[in-house]
Amino acid sequence: MAAPGDCTFATLSTAPGLTLPTAQKLASGVIVYLAQAGSHSSYGGPGQKVALETSLVSLYTHYNERFRDPVWIFHEGDFTEADQARITKGRNETAFKLLPPTFYDL
């Protein structure tokens, strides 16, 4: 019998009309970050890029290594392609999403 929260092909294969590839899990939601690469004047500290990476390590250690829910990181375009590749490496369900300027221009 599956543990609560487990939604794998094996536990869902008897659901009428439901077809999933082997071992695919249904996501129960999306984890969302609003991030910026540089330091924020109000928060101080080592910079938000470091805080994001630290948070993702903790998220994966305590939750997402098992459940693999999608993780969307919304940003203003200040993460380089190299930053994005490094941060998402080995985390296929993690993606950066660019916010259009209409969301943050005053």
C-alpha atoms as a PDB file:
ATOM      1  CA  MET A   1       0.000   0.000   0.000  1.00  0.00           C
ATOM      2  CA  ALA A   2       1.256   3.486  -0.818  1.00  0.00           C
ATOM      3  CA  ALA A   3       2.102   6.034   1.847  1.00  0.00           C
ATOM      4  CA  PRO A   4       0.007   9.224   2.044  1.00  0.00           C
ATOM      5  CA  GLY A   5       1.210  11.677  -0.577  1.00  0.00           C
ATOM      6  CA  ASP A   6       2.614   9.002  -2.900  1.00  0.00           C
ATOM      7  CA  CYS A   7       1.038   9.368  -6.328  1.00  0.00           C
ATOM      8  CA  THR A   8       3.020   7.079  -8.552  1.00  0.00           C
ATOM      9  CA  PHE A   9       1.968   5.089 -11.577  1.00  0.00           C
ATOM     10  CA  ALA A  10       1.735   1.944  -9.449  1.00  0.00           C
ATOM     11  CA  THR A  11      -0.761   3.497  -7.039  1.00  0.00           C
ATOM     12  CA  LEU A  12      -2.818   5.184  -9.758  1.00  0.00           C
ATOM     13  CA  SER A  13      -2.863   2.488 -12.406  1.00  0.00           C
ATOM     14  CA  THR A  14      -6.368   1.337 -11.431  1.00  0.00           C
ATOM     15  CA  ALA A  15      -7.969   4.775 -11.711  1.00  0.00           C
ATOM     16  CA  PRO A  16     -10.436   4.728 -14.647  1.00  0.00           C
ATOM     17  CA  GLY A  17      -9.220   6.689 -17.648  1.00  0.00           C
ATOM     18  CA  LEU A  18      -5.895   7.632 -16.027  1.00  0.00           C
ATOM     19  CA  THR A  19      -2.745   6.837 -17.950  1.00  0.00           C
ATOM     20  CA  LEU A  20       0.678   7.870 -16.696  1.00  0.00           C
ATOM     21  CA  PRO A  21       4.181   6.895 -17.769  1.00  0.00           C
ATOM     22  CA  THR A  22       5.952   4.537 -15.387  1.00  0.00           C
ATOM     23  CA  ALA A  23       6.952   6.213 -12.111  1.00  0.00           C
ATOM     24  CA  GLN A  24       5.545   9.614 -13.091  1.00  0.00           C
ATOM     25  CA  LYS A  25       4.041  11.478 -10.147  1.00  0.00           C
ATOM     26  CA  LEU A  26       1.147  13.863 -10.185  1.00  0.00           C
ATOM     27  CA  ALA A  27       2.264  17.211  -8.835  1.00  0.00           C
ATOM     28  CA  SER A  28       0.180  18.447  -5.966  1.00  0.00           C
ATOM     29  CA  GLY A  29       1.180  22.048  -6.572  1.00  0.00           C
ATOM     30  CA  VAL A  30       3.964  24.386  -7.576  1.00  0.00           C
ATOM     31  CA  ILE A  31       6.592  25.896  -5.292  1.00  0.00           C
ATOM     32  CA  VAL A  32       7.128  29.538  -6.244  1.00  0.00           C
ATOM     33  CA  TYR A  33      10.063  31.850  -5.518  1.00  0.00           C
ATOM     34  CA  LEU A  34      10.289  35.549  -6.323  1.00  0.00           C
ATOM     35  CA  ALA A  35      14.021  36.136  -6.567  1.00  0.00           C
ATOM     36  CA  GLN A  36      16.645  38.661  -7.519  1.00  0.00           C
ATOM     37  CA  ALA A  37      20.325  38.051  -8.110  1.00  0.00           C
ATOM     38  CA  GLY A  38      21.792  41.037  -6.285  1.00  0.00           C
ATOM     39  CA  SER A  39      21.660  42.278  -2.738  1.00  0.00           C
ATOM     40  CA  HIS A  40      18.486  43.992  -1.643  1.00  0.00           C
ATOM     41  CA  SER A  41      18.852  47.300   0.174  1.00  0.00           C
ATOM     42  CA  SER A  42      16.300  46.331   2.838  1.00  0.00           C
ATOM     43  CA  TYR A  43      17.543  42.814   3.569  1.00  0.00           C
ATOM     44  CA  GLY A  44      21.334  43.186   3.486  1.00  0.00           C
ATOM     45  CA  GLY A  45      23.309  39.994   3.909  1.00  0.00           C
ATOM     46  CA  PRO A  46      25.348  38.065   1.360  1.00  0.00           C
ATOM     47  CA  GLY A  47      23.011  38.681  -1.557  1.00  0.00           C
ATOM     48  CA  GLN A  48      19.781  37.170  -2.694  1.00  0.00           C
ATOM     49  CA  LYS A  49      21.444  34.730  -5.101  1.00  0.00           C
ATOM     50  CA  VAL A  50      23.171  33.037  -2.174  1.00  0.00           C
ATOM     51  CA  ALA A  51      19.919  33.040  -0.156  1.00  0.00           C
ATOM     52  CA  LEU A  52      18.048  31.439  -3.077  1.00  0.00           C
ATOM     53  CA  GLU A  53      20.640  28.689  -3.463  1.00  0.00           C
ATOM     54  CA  THR A  54      20.619  28.021   0.297  1.00  0.00           C
ATOM     55  CA  SER A  55      16.825  27.839   0.306  1.00  0.00           C
ATOM     56  CA  LEU A  56      16.761  25.415  -2.627  1.00  0.00           C
ATOM     57  CA  VAL A  57      19.270  23.111  -0.931  1.00  0.00           C
ATOM     58  CA  SER A  58      17.045  23.040   2.158  1.00  0.00           C
ATOM     59  CA  LEU A  59      13.878  22.546   0.086  1.00  0.00           C
ATOM     60  CA  TYR A  60      15.374  19.571  -1.742  1.00  0.00           C
ATOM     61  CA  THR A  61      16.928  18.080   1.400  1.00  0.00           C
ATOM     62  CA  HIS A  62      13.702  18.180   3.381  1.00  0.00           C
ATOM     63  CA  TYR A  63      10.996  17.810   0.740  1.00  0.00           C
ATOM     64  CA  ASN A  64      11.598  17.872  -2.983  1.00  0.00           C
ATOM     65  CA  GLU A  65      14.129  15.020  -3.253  1.00  0.00           C
ATOM     66  CA  ARG A  66      11.126  12.825  -2.526  1.00  0.00           C
ATOM     67  CA  PHE A  67       8.135  14.631  -4.016  1.00  0.00           C
ATOM     68  CA  ARG A  68       9.712  16.433  -7.008  1.00  0.00           C
ATOM     69  CA  ASP A  69       7.085  19.160  -7.234  1.00  0.00           C
ATOM     70  CA  PRO A  70       7.721  21.848  -9.852  1.00  0.00           C
ATOM     71  CA  VAL A  71       9.733  24.837  -8.587  1.00  0.00           C
ATOM     72  CA  TRP A  72       9.309  28.124 -10.456  1.00  0.00           C
ATOM     73  CA  ILE A  73      11.727  30.959  -9.807  1.00  0.00           C
ATOM     74  CA  PHE A  74      10.308  34.267 -11.031  1.00  0.00           C
ATOM     75  CA  HIS A  75      12.903  36.982 -11.670  1.00  0.00           C
ATOM     76  CA  GLU A  76      13.440  40.312 -13.416  1.00  0.00           C
ATOM     77  CA  GLY A  77      16.139  39.111 -15.815  1.00  0.00           C
ATOM     78  CA  ASP A  78      19.090  39.604 -13.482  1.00  0.00           C
ATOM     79  CA  PHE A  79      20.086  35.914 -13.370  1.00  0.00           C
ATOM     80  CA  THR A  80      22.519  35.054 -16.173  1.00  0.00           C
ATOM     81  CA  GLU A  81      22.161  31.873 -18.213  1.00  0.00           C
ATOM     82  CA  ALA A  82      25.174  30.509 -16.277  1.00  0.00           C
ATOM     83  CA  ASP A  83      23.466  31.316 -12.940  1.00  0.00           C
ATOM     84  CA  GLN A  84      20.293  29.578 -14.061  1.00  0.00           C
ATOM     85  CA  ALA A  85      22.138  26.498 -15.312  1.00  0.00           C
ATOM     86  CA  ARG A  86      24.141  26.191 -12.083  1.00  0.00           C
ATOM     87  CA  ILE A  87      21.109  26.658  -9.817  1.00  0.00           C
ATOM     88  CA  THR A  88      18.873  24.218 -11.710  1.00  0.00           C
ATOM     89  CA  LYS A  89      21.564  21.560 -12.312  1.00  0.00           C
ATOM     90  CA  GLY A  90      20.214  18.165 -11.239  1.00  0.00           C
ATOM     91  CA  ARG A  91      16.808  19.681 -10.477  1.00  0.00           C
ATOM     92  CA  ASN A  92      14.869  19.033 -13.671  1.00  0.00           C
ATOM     93  CA  GLU A  93      11.593  20.250 -12.189  1.00  0.00           C
ATOM     94  CA  THR A  94      13.121  23.665 -11.335  1.00  0.00           C
ATOM     95  CA  ALA A  95      12.747  26.467 -13.883  1.00  0.00           C
ATOM     96  CA  PHE A  96      13.364  30.198 -14.062  1.00  0.00           C
ATOM     97  CA  LYS A  97      10.438  32.319 -15.268  1.00  0.00           C
ATOM     98  CA  LEU A  98      11.108  35.851 -16.494  1.00  0.00           C
ATOM     99  CA  LEU A  99       8.689  38.486 -15.226  1.00  0.00           C
ATOM    100  CA  PRO A 100       7.684  41.041 -17.854  1.00  0.00           C
ATOM    101  CA  PRO A 101       8.636  44.645 -16.924  1.00  0.00           C
ATOM    102  CA  THR A 102       4.962  45.495 -16.452  1.00  0.00           C
ATOM    103  CA  PHE A 103       5.099  43.585 -13.150  1.00  0.00           C
ATOM    104  CA  TYR A 104       7.866  45.649 -11.595  1.00  0.00           C
ATOM    105  CA  ASP A 105       8.260  48.971 -13.460  1.00  0.00           C
ATOM    106  CA  LEU A 106       6.716  51.968 -11.775  1.00  0.00           C
END
